[in-house]
Protein backbone atom coordinates (compact mmCIF):
# COMPACT_ATOMS: atom_id res chain seq x y z
CA MET A 1 107.25 114.02 93.47
CA ARG A 2 107.02 115.49 90.04
CA LEU A 3 103.35 116.96 89.30
CA SER A 4 102.71 118.32 85.92
CA TRP A 5 103.66 121.43 84.23
CA PHE A 6 100.74 124.09 84.57
CA ALA A 7 101.86 127.37 82.33
CA LYS A 8 104.40 129.03 79.70
CA SER A 9 106.57 131.48 81.57
CA ARG A 10 104.56 134.95 80.33
CA ASN A 11 107.31 138.00 81.21
CA HIS A 12 106.02 140.28 78.62
CA LYS A 13 109.45 140.22 77.19
CA PRO A 14 109.87 141.03 73.30
CA PRO A 15 110.07 138.50 70.54
CA SER A 16 113.26 138.00 70.45
CA ALA A 17 113.73 136.89 73.82
CA ALA A 18 113.88 133.34 74.98
CA THR A 19 110.89 131.86 76.51
CA PHE A 20 110.29 129.20 79.28
CA ARG A 21 108.03 126.87 80.84
CA SER A 22 107.59 126.78 84.55
CA GLU A 23 106.83 123.47 85.84
CA ILE A 24 106.00 122.79 89.54
CA ILE A 25 108.55 120.06 90.90
CA ALA A 26 107.42 119.52 94.61
CA ASP A 27 105.65 121.57 97.54
CA ILE A 28 107.95 120.67 100.57
CA LEU A 29 106.43 121.32 104.11
CA VAL A 30 108.69 122.47 106.80
CA PRO A 31 106.67 121.20 109.99
CA GLU A 32 108.03 123.47 112.68
CA ARG A 33 107.13 126.48 110.79
CA ALA A 34 103.66 125.09 109.46
CA GLU A 35 104.65 126.37 106.17
CA ASP A 36 105.40 124.81 102.52
CA VAL A 37 108.07 126.07 100.13
CA ARG A 38 106.89 125.20 96.13
CA PHE A 39 109.95 124.46 93.97
CA PHE A 40 109.80 125.32 90.23
CA SER A 41 111.89 124.18 87.50
CA ARG A 42 112.18 126.33 84.49
CA LYS A 43 112.86 124.39 81.01
CA VAL A 44 113.58 126.75 77.52
CA ILE A 45 110.61 126.34 75.09
CA HIS A 46 112.29 128.95 72.58
CA PRO A 47 116.11 130.08 72.89
CA GLY A 48 115.32 133.59 71.29
CA ARG A 49 118.09 135.21 69.94
CA VAL A 50 120.09 138.16 70.84
CA ARG A 51 119.64 141.62 69.45
CA ARG A 52 121.63 143.61 67.87
CA PHE A 53 120.67 146.67 69.70
CA SER A 54 117.61 147.74 71.36
CA ASN A 55 115.89 151.23 72.76
CA GLN A 56 117.04 150.64 76.51
CA ASP A 57 120.45 150.45 74.24
CA LEU A 58 120.37 153.95 73.30
CA ARG A 59 118.85 155.37 76.39
CA GLU A 60 121.54 153.55 78.95
CA SER A 61 124.52 154.96 76.59
CA LEU A 62 123.28 158.78 76.54
CA LEU A 63 122.60 158.20 80.61
CA ALA A 64 126.25 156.72 80.67
CA ALA A 65 127.72 159.24 79.26
CA PHE A 66 125.66 162.03 81.03
CA TYR A 67 126.54 160.46 84.39
CA LEU A 68 130.44 160.54 83.55
CA LEU A 69 130.24 164.10 82.62
CA VAL A 70 127.98 164.51 86.37
CA ALA A 71 130.75 162.16 88.28
CA ALA A 72 134.10 164.49 86.41
CA SER A 73 132.51 167.87 86.44
CA MET A 74 129.92 168.38 89.44
CA PRO A 75 130.40 168.31 93.16
CA ILE A 76 129.50 165.25 95.02
CA ARG A 77 126.81 167.52 96.90
CA TRP A 78 124.78 168.18 93.78
CA TRP A 79 124.88 164.56 92.92
CA ALA A 80 121.86 162.85 94.59
CA SER A 81 119.25 166.31 93.46
CA ILE A 82 120.67 165.78 89.67
CA CYS A 83 120.08 161.97 90.08
CA ASP A 84 116.27 163.19 91.84
CA ARG A 85 115.41 165.27 88.82
CA MET A 86 116.59 162.88 86.05
CA SER A 87 114.14 160.29 87.65
CA ARG A 88 110.94 162.29 87.32
CA LEU A 89 111.74 162.76 83.44
CA ARG A 90 109.80 159.65 82.09
CA LEU A 91 107.84 159.81 85.23
CA LYS A 92 104.10 159.57 83.71
CA ARG A 93 105.53 156.33 81.64
CA HIS A 94 107.10 154.26 84.52
CA MET A 95 103.30 155.27 86.54
CA ARG A 96 101.45 153.83 83.54
CA LYS A 97 103.28 150.87 82.77
CA GLN A 98 105.36 149.86 86.24
CA PHE A 99 103.40 151.47 89.12
CA PRO A 100 100.36 149.20 89.20
CA GLY A 101 102.63 145.81 89.30
CA TYR A 102 104.64 147.26 91.97
CA ALA A 103 102.00 149.09 94.29
CA ALA A 104 100.00 145.78 94.37
CA ALA A 105 103.35 143.59 95.18
CA THR A 106 104.48 146.22 97.55
CA ARG A 107 101.57 146.72 99.54
CA ALA A 108 100.85 142.69 99.53
CA VAL A 109 104.23 142.48 101.57
CA LEU A 110 104.02 145.51 103.51
CA GLY A 111 100.60 146.15 104.10
CA GLY A 112 98.30 148.67 102.48
CA SER A 113 99.02 151.34 104.59
CA ILE A 114 102.24 151.84 103.15
CA ASP A 115 102.70 155.36 100.16
CA ALA A 116 103.46 153.09 97.24
CA ARG A 117 103.95 155.76 94.75
CA LYS A 118 106.32 157.92 97.21
CA LEU A 119 108.36 154.26 97.56
CA PHE A 120 108.05 153.78 93.89
CA GLU A 121 109.56 157.27 93.23
CA ALA A 122 112.20 156.65 95.59
CA LEU A 123 113.22 153.39 94.12
CA LEU A 124 113.18 155.29 90.45
CA ALA A 125 115.62 157.87 92.18
CA ALA A 126 117.98 155.12 93.36
CA ARG A 127 118.31 153.48 90.07
CA HIS A 128 119.52 156.83 88.93
CA ARG A 129 122.17 156.95 91.74
CA ARG A 130 123.01 153.44 91.37
CA ARG A 131 124.05 154.44 87.57
CA LEU A 132 126.16 157.58 88.90
CA GLN A 133 127.85 154.91 91.74
CA LEU A 134 129.22 152.69 88.58
CA ALA A 135 130.00 156.42 86.53
CA ALA A 136 132.28 157.78 89.64
CA HIS A 137 134.17 154.52 89.93
CA LEU A 138 135.00 154.64 86.29
CA ALA A 139 135.55 158.50 86.08
CA GLY A 140 138.24 157.83 88.94
CA PHE A 141 136.97 160.91 90.80
CA ARG A 142 138.04 160.90 94.46
CA TRP A 143 135.15 159.91 95.98
CA ALA A 144 135.37 158.38 99.40
CA PRO A 145 132.04 157.38 100.82
CA THR A 146 131.69 155.74 104.42
CA ILE A 147 130.98 151.87 103.86
CA ARG A 148 130.46 149.68 106.78
CA LEU A 149 130.40 146.29 106.91
CA GLU A 150 128.18 144.39 109.70
CA GLY A 151 128.37 140.68 110.25
CA ARG A 152 131.98 140.02 109.64
CA GLU A 153 132.71 138.42 113.09
CA GLY A 154 130.23 135.17 111.95
CA LEU A 155 131.36 135.12 108.17
CA GLN A 156 135.34 135.00 109.34
CA ALA A 157 134.39 132.32 112.18
CA ALA A 158 132.11 129.69 109.82
CA LEU A 159 135.55 129.85 107.83
CA LEU A 160 137.69 128.86 110.67
CA ARG A 161 135.31 125.49 110.36
CA GLY A 162 137.22 125.06 106.89
CA HIS A 163 134.27 124.74 104.34
CA GLY A 164 134.13 127.69 102.77
CA ALA A 165 131.09 129.83 103.35
CA ILE A 166 128.26 131.16 100.56
CA VAL A 167 127.09 134.52 100.37
CA TRP A 168 123.50 134.71 99.36
CA CYS A 169 123.00 138.60 98.10
CA ASP A 170 119.89 140.48 97.99
CA GLN A 171 119.06 142.76 94.87
CA PHE A 172 119.01 146.37 96.58
CA THR A 173 120.38 149.08 94.03
CA SER A 174 123.74 149.05 96.53
CA GLN A 175 124.23 145.80 96.01
CA THR A 176 126.17 145.31 92.83
CA ILE A 177 129.03 147.38 93.44
CA PHE A 178 129.12 148.12 97.12
CA GLY A 179 128.23 145.16 98.51
CA LYS A 180 131.42 143.70 97.12
CA ARG A 181 133.42 146.37 97.88
CA ALA A 182 132.67 146.12 101.89
CA LEU A 183 133.89 142.37 101.42
CA HIS A 184 137.06 143.76 99.27
CA GLU A 185 138.19 146.33 101.97
CA ALA A 186 137.52 143.83 104.93
CA GLY A 187 139.93 141.55 103.30
CA ILE A 188 137.69 139.12 102.29
CA GLU A 189 138.21 137.39 99.37
CA ALA A 190 135.14 136.22 97.09
CA HIS A 191 134.01 134.60 93.80
CA GLN A 192 131.09 135.94 92.09
CA VAL A 193 128.49 133.58 90.37
CA SER A 194 127.66 135.44 87.33
CA VAL A 195 125.51 134.97 84.30
CA ASN A 196 127.06 135.95 80.78
CA SER A 197 124.60 138.50 80.22
CA HIS A 198 125.10 140.32 83.41
CA GLY A 199 124.66 143.74 83.32
CA ILE A 200 122.75 146.44 81.77
CA SER A 201 121.53 145.38 78.23
CA GLU A 202 121.65 141.32 76.64
CA SER A 203 121.33 142.77 72.98
CA MET A 204 124.90 142.04 71.28
CA PHE A 205 125.52 146.18 71.66
CA GLY A 206 124.85 146.21 75.35
CA LEU A 207 127.34 143.08 75.70
CA ARG A 208 129.95 144.75 73.73
CA PHE A 209 129.68 147.86 74.98
CA LEU A 210 127.63 148.45 77.97
CA ASN A 211 128.21 145.94 80.19
CA PRO A 212 132.16 145.47 80.11
CA PRO A 213 132.31 148.77 82.21
CA LEU A 214 130.55 147.12 85.35
CA VAL A 215 132.03 144.09 84.99
CA LYS A 216 135.34 145.66 85.37
CA VAL A 217 134.70 147.59 88.11
CA GLU A 218 132.61 144.71 89.97
CA ASN A 219 135.67 142.56 89.11
CA ARG A 220 137.89 145.50 91.14
CA TYR A 221 136.62 143.83 94.42
CA LEU A 222 136.58 140.08 93.71
CA LYS A 223 138.89 137.36 93.35
CA SER A 224 137.31 135.92 90.65
CA ARG A 225 134.03 135.69 88.72
CA ILE A 226 132.49 132.24 87.62
CA VAL A 227 130.75 133.24 84.63
CA PHE A 228 128.05 130.38 83.33
CA GLU A 229 125.08 130.10 80.54
CA ARG A 230 122.74 127.85 81.51
CA ASP A 231 124.06 125.09 79.75
CA ASP A 232 127.25 124.91 82.15
CA ALA A 233 125.56 123.80 85.04
CA TYR A 234 127.69 121.04 85.54
CA GLN A 235 130.70 122.61 85.10
CA VAL A 236 130.08 125.57 87.46
CA THR A 237 128.78 123.46 90.20
CA ILE A 238 132.03 121.21 89.95
CA ARG A 239 134.00 125.08 90.01
CA ILE A 240 132.05 126.29 93.16
CA GLN A 241 132.59 123.18 94.97
CA LYS A 242 136.48 123.24 94.64
CA ILE A 243 136.22 126.97 95.83
CA LEU A 244 134.37 125.68 98.86
CA LYS A 245 136.81 123.03 99.81
CA ARG A 246 139.53 125.49 99.69
CA ASN A 247 137.94 127.29 102.14
CA GLY A 248 136.60 129.97 99.69
CA VAL A 249 133.52 132.47 99.75
CA VAL A 250 130.93 132.71 96.93
CA LEU A 251 128.87 135.24 96.22
CA MET A 252 125.34 133.80 94.76
CA THR A 253 123.08 136.97 93.68
CA ASN A 254 119.17 136.27 94.45
CA THR A 255 118.89 135.83 90.50
CA ILE A 256 116.05 132.86 89.89
CA HIS A 257 116.34 133.34 86.00
CA ALA A 258 119.85 132.39 85.84
CA GLY A 259 119.46 128.28 86.85
CA SER A 260 116.89 125.89 85.98
CA THR A 261 115.40 125.99 89.43
CA PHE A 262 113.62 128.31 91.73
CA THR A 263 111.31 128.69 94.67
CA GLU A 264 108.39 130.06 95.89
CA VAL A 265 107.46 131.29 99.37
CA ALA A 266 104.90 133.35 101.03
CA ILE A 267 106.65 136.85 102.45
CA GLY A 268 104.76 139.58 104.49
CA GLN A 269 101.11 140.18 104.82
CA SER A 270 99.86 138.33 101.71
CA GLY A 271 102.73 138.27 99.43
CA TRP A 272 104.88 135.68 97.35
CA THR A 273 108.46 136.20 96.65
CA HIS A 274 110.76 133.57 94.33
CA LEU A 275 114.05 132.87 95.72
CA ALA A 276 116.72 130.91 93.92
CA SER A 277 117.64 127.05 94.91
CA ALA A 278 121.47 127.20 94.03
CA PRO A 279 122.71 128.47 97.29
CA ALA A 280 120.42 126.40 99.62
CA ASN A 281 121.10 123.51 97.34
CA PHE A 282 124.74 124.07 97.70
CA ALA A 283 124.50 124.44 101.78
CA ALA A 284 122.39 121.53 102.18
CA ARG A 285 124.47 119.10 100.25
CA GLY A 286 127.78 120.00 101.60
CA LYS A 287 129.49 121.46 104.84
CA ALA A 288 129.56 125.41 103.61
CA ALA A 289 127.87 127.88 106.02
CA LEU A 290 125.30 129.78 104.44
CA PHE A 291 124.87 133.52 105.08
CA ALA A 292 122.20 136.40 103.63
CA MET A 293 123.45 139.62 102.50
CA SER A 294 122.00 142.88 102.32
CA THR A 295 123.60 146.08 100.80
CA PHE A 296 121.73 150.05 101.81
CA GLU A 297 122.96 153.22 100.57
CA THR A 298 121.90 154.89 104.33
CA VAL A 299 122.92 158.23 102.77
CA PRO A 300 122.92 159.07 99.24
CA PHE A 301 126.53 159.33 97.81
CA GLY A 302 127.64 159.98 101.76
CA GLU A 303 127.35 156.11 103.44
CA TYR A 304 126.58 152.68 102.47
CA ARG A 305 126.14 149.80 104.47
CA ALA A 306 126.73 146.32 104.11
CA VAL A 307 125.16 143.81 106.28
CA ILE A 308 125.81 140.07 106.47
CA SER A 309 123.05 137.87 108.42
CA PRO A 310 124.34 135.46 111.18
CA GLU A 311 124.76 132.01 109.66
CA LEU A 312 121.23 130.63 108.60
CA LEU A 313 121.14 126.99 110.72
CA PRO A 314 118.20 125.28 109.97
CA ALA A 315 117.04 122.35 111.87
CA GLU A 316 118.28 119.19 111.03
CA ALA A 317 116.35 117.58 108.45
CA GLU A 318 115.08 113.99 109.55
CA THR A 319 115.60 112.04 106.24
CA GLY A 320 118.85 111.90 103.86
CA ARG A 321 121.97 111.02 103.47
CA ASP A 322 125.24 112.88 103.64
CA GLY A 323 125.63 114.72 99.95
CA ALA A 324 122.48 113.85 98.81
CA LYS A 325 119.54 116.25 97.88
CA ASP A 326 117.53 117.07 100.56
CA MET A 327 114.91 119.55 99.55
CA VAL A 328 112.73 119.53 103.46
CA ARG A 329 116.91 120.70 104.28
CA GLN A 330 116.87 123.07 101.47
CA ALA A 331 113.52 124.47 102.33
CA ARG A 332 114.32 125.45 105.51
CA TYR A 333 117.08 127.31 104.20
CA ILE A 334 114.73 129.16 101.36
CA LEU A 335 112.51 130.27 104.78
CA LEU A 336 115.35 131.22 106.79
CA LYS A 337 116.68 133.34 103.82
CA ARG A 338 113.12 134.70 103.01
CA ASP A 339 112.73 136.25 106.75
CA ARG A 340 116.55 138.02 106.35
CA LEU A 341 114.99 139.79 103.22
CA LEU A 342 112.11 140.51 104.93
CA GLU A 343 113.50 142.43 107.32
CA ALA A 344 115.79 144.14 104.87
CA LEU A 345 112.66 145.32 102.88
CA LYS A 346 111.12 146.79 105.72
CA LEU A 347 114.66 148.72 106.49
CA PHE A 348 114.89 150.30 102.51
CA PRO A 349 112.16 149.05 100.82
CA GLU A 350 112.47 152.01 98.08
CA GLN A 351 115.87 150.31 97.28
CA MET A 352 114.91 146.84 96.51
CA LEU A 353 115.09 146.09 92.44
CA ILE A 354 113.02 143.16 92.07
CA TRP A 355 109.73 142.79 93.87
CA SER A 356 107.77 139.37 93.13
CA SER A 357 104.19 139.17 92.42
CA SER A 358 100.96 140.13 94.77
CA ARG A 359 99.56 136.60 93.74
CA ARG A 360 100.90 133.16 93.32
CA LEU A 361 102.92 132.18 90.34
CA THR A 362 100.23 129.33 89.14
CA GLU A 363 97.45 132.12 90.09
CA ALA A 364 98.97 135.09 87.64
CA SER A 365 100.99 135.84 84.63
CA ASP A 366 102.65 138.73 86.25
CA HIS A 367 104.72 136.78 88.22
CA ILE A 368 108.00 139.22 87.49
CA THR A 369 107.72 142.45 88.29
CA THR A 370 109.05 145.61 87.61
CA GLY A 371 112.45 145.83 87.47
CA ASP A 372 115.56 144.15 85.84
CA ASP A 373 117.30 140.99 86.92
CA THR A 374 120.56 142.31 86.98
CA GLY A 375 122.28 141.81 90.14
CA SER A 376 124.89 139.46 89.74
């Protein structure tokens, strides 16, 4: 069932950015959970243009140079405190522009009793540690943190069935590098689905100079990277299907802006979160196993914990033919993923990069809150 479109997406982006129209595709009820999942499509209204340079590029360039210097010359025991101090340089501006939406979203999910300001300040510090993580990998410094991978056995058991596996990754601050590194060091060769603009900046300068170092570091721990633009969806689908047929492991990040569809589902006490639909779609249409993955920094610059969930196994849908699109089955996968995300958020909420709105997308213009969609 297709319902009429309701509104244009309003992300408060600069005029050069692409604009989209969000359209409700369907509301799918999952009977045994007594919950519904809302499916959306995103259609380009105006493709926008790529900026040559932005204020963010200058700031990120200076920070990159600074953290390279820190990684090359400062003792590791100082790194965390340096990041804490750097995170406070623009605190007033962040509090004015980003904190209100962040506080509303986190309280809606985790409850009104949480200290939203404390979480927000911890997130700002975690973002700076994320920059220093990259710099340390680039500098070639002999830094050997402890990296623990949990849930490896379940993934390997699924691969014994011979149909491949999809690992659906959450956007915690350490996922970008350490999630991939944890899999690589455990002997799991993974293929990352990624957008062309993945990285730090979407300007021409950023695509040319700021993003490649991050991509280069990530690629050390990947078997391949599947890069696509919105118009390449069919070719990317074919590539992913071939990898899964060869019993490969495909990493997909919960990036709702990369594809043409996404979903909305309730989370926590009164919040709403937006999840990509592509991982659930691939799992529902084929035989590949689906897992959720979250990576946490448990000791700053000292210990990282990558957690692969047990296999997401929804109840069988009553309708649908083999290989056909089954939205009820997809909705069941979405709810299972939501459950795992909520568990992870309760453990390390201050490390989550992307929070959705405290209100439904159809009721609010601030449906995407503070954070950069840079996890793939």
